[in-house]
Protein backbone atom coordinates (compact mmCIF):
# COMPACT_ATOMS: atom_id res chain seq x y z
CA MET A 1 -131.35 74.19 -61.08
CA VAL A 2 -129.98 70.75 -61.68
CA ILE A 3 -126.53 69.82 -60.47
CA PRO A 4 -124.81 67.31 -62.71
CA ARG A 5 -123.59 64.18 -61.05
CA ASN A 6 -120.10 62.75 -61.21
CA ARG A 7 -118.60 65.82 -62.86
CA CYS A 8 -115.25 65.58 -61.09
CA SER A 9 -112.29 65.97 -63.34
CA PHE A 10 -109.69 63.23 -63.10
CA PRO A 11 -106.53 63.11 -65.14
CA ASN A 12 -106.67 60.88 -68.09
CA LEU A 13 -105.33 57.54 -66.73
CA SER A 14 -104.86 56.10 -70.13
CA ASN A 15 -101.88 58.31 -71.15
CA ASN A 16 -98.36 56.94 -70.56
CA GLN A 17 -96.84 60.04 -69.01
CA ALA A 18 -96.97 58.93 -65.37
CA PHE A 19 -94.32 56.91 -63.58
CA THR A 20 -95.12 53.37 -62.58
CA LEU A 21 -94.48 52.13 -59.03
CA LEU A 22 -91.61 49.98 -60.29
CA GLU A 23 -89.79 53.01 -61.85
CA VAL A 24 -90.19 55.03 -58.61
CA MET A 25 -88.83 52.09 -56.55
CA ILE A 26 -85.80 51.75 -58.83
CA ALA A 27 -85.09 55.51 -58.64
CA VAL A 28 -85.34 55.50 -54.83
CA SER A 29 -83.01 52.45 -54.67
CA ILE A 30 -80.41 54.19 -56.83
CA ILE A 31 -80.57 57.29 -54.66
CA ALA A 32 -80.27 55.14 -51.49
CA ILE A 33 -77.19 53.38 -52.79
CA ALA A 34 -75.56 56.71 -53.77
CA LEU A 35 -76.26 58.22 -50.35
CA VAL A 36 -74.88 55.20 -48.49
CA ALA A 37 -71.64 55.47 -50.55
CA LEU A 38 -71.48 59.22 -49.95
CA PHE A 39 -72.01 58.97 -46.16
CA GLY A 40 -69.41 56.12 -45.91
CA SER A 41 -66.95 58.28 -47.73
CA GLN A 42 -67.59 61.24 -45.46
CA SER A 43 -67.20 59.01 -42.35
CA LYS A 44 -63.85 57.68 -43.60
CA SER A 45 -62.72 61.20 -44.41
CA LEU A 46 -63.58 62.36 -40.88
CA SER A 47 -61.72 59.39 -39.46
CA HIS A 48 -58.59 60.20 -41.48
CA ALA A 49 -58.73 63.85 -40.44
CA THR A 50 -58.94 62.87 -36.73
CA GLU A 51 -55.92 60.54 -37.12
CA ALA A 52 -53.92 63.20 -38.95
CA ASN A 53 -54.66 65.62 -36.12
CA PHE A 54 -53.31 63.18 -33.58
CA ASP A 55 -50.24 62.42 -35.80
CA ILE A 56 -49.40 66.15 -35.68
CA VAL A 57 -50.20 67.00 -32.03
CA ALA A 58 -48.80 63.89 -30.29
CA PRO A 59 -45.17 64.18 -31.51
CA MET A 60 -45.27 67.90 -30.66
CA LEU A 61 -46.42 67.20 -27.13
CA ALA A 62 -43.98 64.33 -26.68
CA SER A 63 -41.05 66.47 -27.86
CA GLY A 64 -42.06 69.25 -25.47
CA LYS A 65 -42.23 66.86 -22.55
CA LEU A 66 -38.94 65.30 -23.48
CA ALA A 67 -37.32 68.75 -23.59
CA GLU A 68 -38.55 69.27 -19.95
CA LEU A 69 -37.01 65.97 -18.90
CA GLU A 70 -33.66 66.72 -20.58
CA GLY A 71 -33.45 69.95 -18.69
CA ALA A 72 -33.93 68.22 -15.33
CA SER A 73 -30.81 67.59 -13.23
CA VAL A 74 -32.04 64.19 -11.97
CA ALA A 75 -33.07 61.11 -13.96
CA PRO A 76 -36.82 60.89 -14.42
CA GLY A 77 -38.73 58.04 -12.85
CA ASN A 78 -41.88 56.28 -13.85
CA ASP A 79 -44.67 58.90 -13.96
CA GLU A 80 -47.77 59.97 -15.76
CA GLY A 81 -49.88 63.08 -16.16
CA ASP A 82 -51.74 65.34 -18.60
CA PHE A 83 -50.95 68.33 -20.71
CA GLY A 84 -53.27 70.82 -19.02
CA GLU A 85 -56.24 72.84 -20.27
CA GLU A 86 -54.81 73.60 -23.67
CA PHE A 87 -54.64 69.95 -24.66
CA GLN A 88 -57.51 68.32 -22.89
CA GLY A 89 -57.83 64.66 -23.37
CA TYR A 90 -54.12 64.12 -24.04
CA THR A 91 -52.18 62.28 -21.31
CA TRP A 92 -48.61 61.07 -21.03
CA LYS A 93 -46.97 58.09 -19.39
CA LEU A 94 -43.25 57.84 -18.65
CA GLU A 95 -41.28 54.60 -18.09
CA THR A 96 -37.57 54.73 -17.25
CA GLU A 97 -35.02 51.88 -16.86
CA ASN A 98 -31.34 51.35 -17.29
CA ALA A 99 -30.47 50.79 -20.92
CA THR A 100 -29.45 47.24 -21.88
CA PHE A 101 -27.82 46.12 -25.11
CA ASP A 102 -28.15 42.47 -25.90
CA GLY A 103 -25.27 40.75 -27.73
CA ILE A 104 -22.86 43.69 -27.64
CA ASP A 105 -20.01 43.08 -25.18
CA ALA A 106 -18.39 46.49 -25.68
CA LEU A 107 -21.50 48.27 -24.58
CA ALA A 108 -22.26 45.97 -21.69
CA ASN A 109 -19.97 48.07 -19.49
CA LEU A 110 -22.31 51.03 -19.91
CA ALA A 111 -24.63 49.64 -17.33
CA LYS A 112 -21.79 49.36 -14.79
CA MET A 113 -20.85 53.02 -15.07
CA GLU A 114 -21.46 55.52 -12.28
CA ASN A 115 -23.95 57.33 -14.44
CA PRO A 116 -25.58 54.57 -16.55
CA LEU A 117 -27.37 55.25 -19.77
CA LYS A 118 -31.14 55.44 -19.20
CA LYS A 119 -33.88 54.25 -21.58
CA VAL A 120 -36.86 56.58 -21.35
CA GLU A 121 -40.15 55.70 -23.10
CA LEU A 122 -42.65 58.55 -23.29
CA THR A 123 -46.13 57.60 -24.43
CA VAL A 124 -48.77 60.12 -25.44
CA LEU A 125 -52.35 58.89 -25.28
CA TRP A 126 -55.54 60.46 -26.51
CA THR A 127 -58.24 59.60 -23.89
CA GLY A 128 -61.25 57.82 -25.34
CA THR A 129 -59.52 56.78 -28.57
CA LYS A 130 -57.23 54.01 -29.76
CA PHE A 131 -54.47 56.48 -30.62
CA SER A 132 -51.04 56.40 -28.91
CA TYR A 133 -47.64 57.65 -29.78
CA THR A 134 -44.42 56.39 -28.07
CA LEU A 135 -41.10 58.17 -28.15
CA THR A 136 -38.01 56.28 -26.98
CA TYR A 137 -35.01 58.30 -25.75
CA TYR A 138 -31.62 57.26 -24.40
CA GLY A 139 -29.77 59.73 -22.20
CA ARG A 140 -27.76 60.43 -19.07
CA TRP A 141 -28.62 62.53 -16.06
CA GLN A 142 -26.44 63.70 -13.19
CA GLY A 143 -27.27 62.49 -9.77
């Protein structure tokens, strides 16, 4: 029995139905550009969602802490702390000073009063991020 030589079947290379290397490279380039735009959009969306979350949580935490301070019988001092296990990563910083009013003579006597008006700045920070929220409050405390 004789075995014929070179009887492998190859596709007909002369037809024009195959893609050229240039066409494939162009298609891959278009897909790459589309994916870069898609991933950039996704990243920006995630960044906006994180910021929106902070913009909701931080004022709520600051208001709650300020409510604690308003209920105290003595004026708060400079202090800092965190919000516990429920809001891990969120910290607060409190700065208190006597209120001053520049250029207003009628209100200058407020600082000389027995119970002067206090300026309280409460800052909520999210550890590891650039986000911060500051709430300024003016009030009086007994004692």
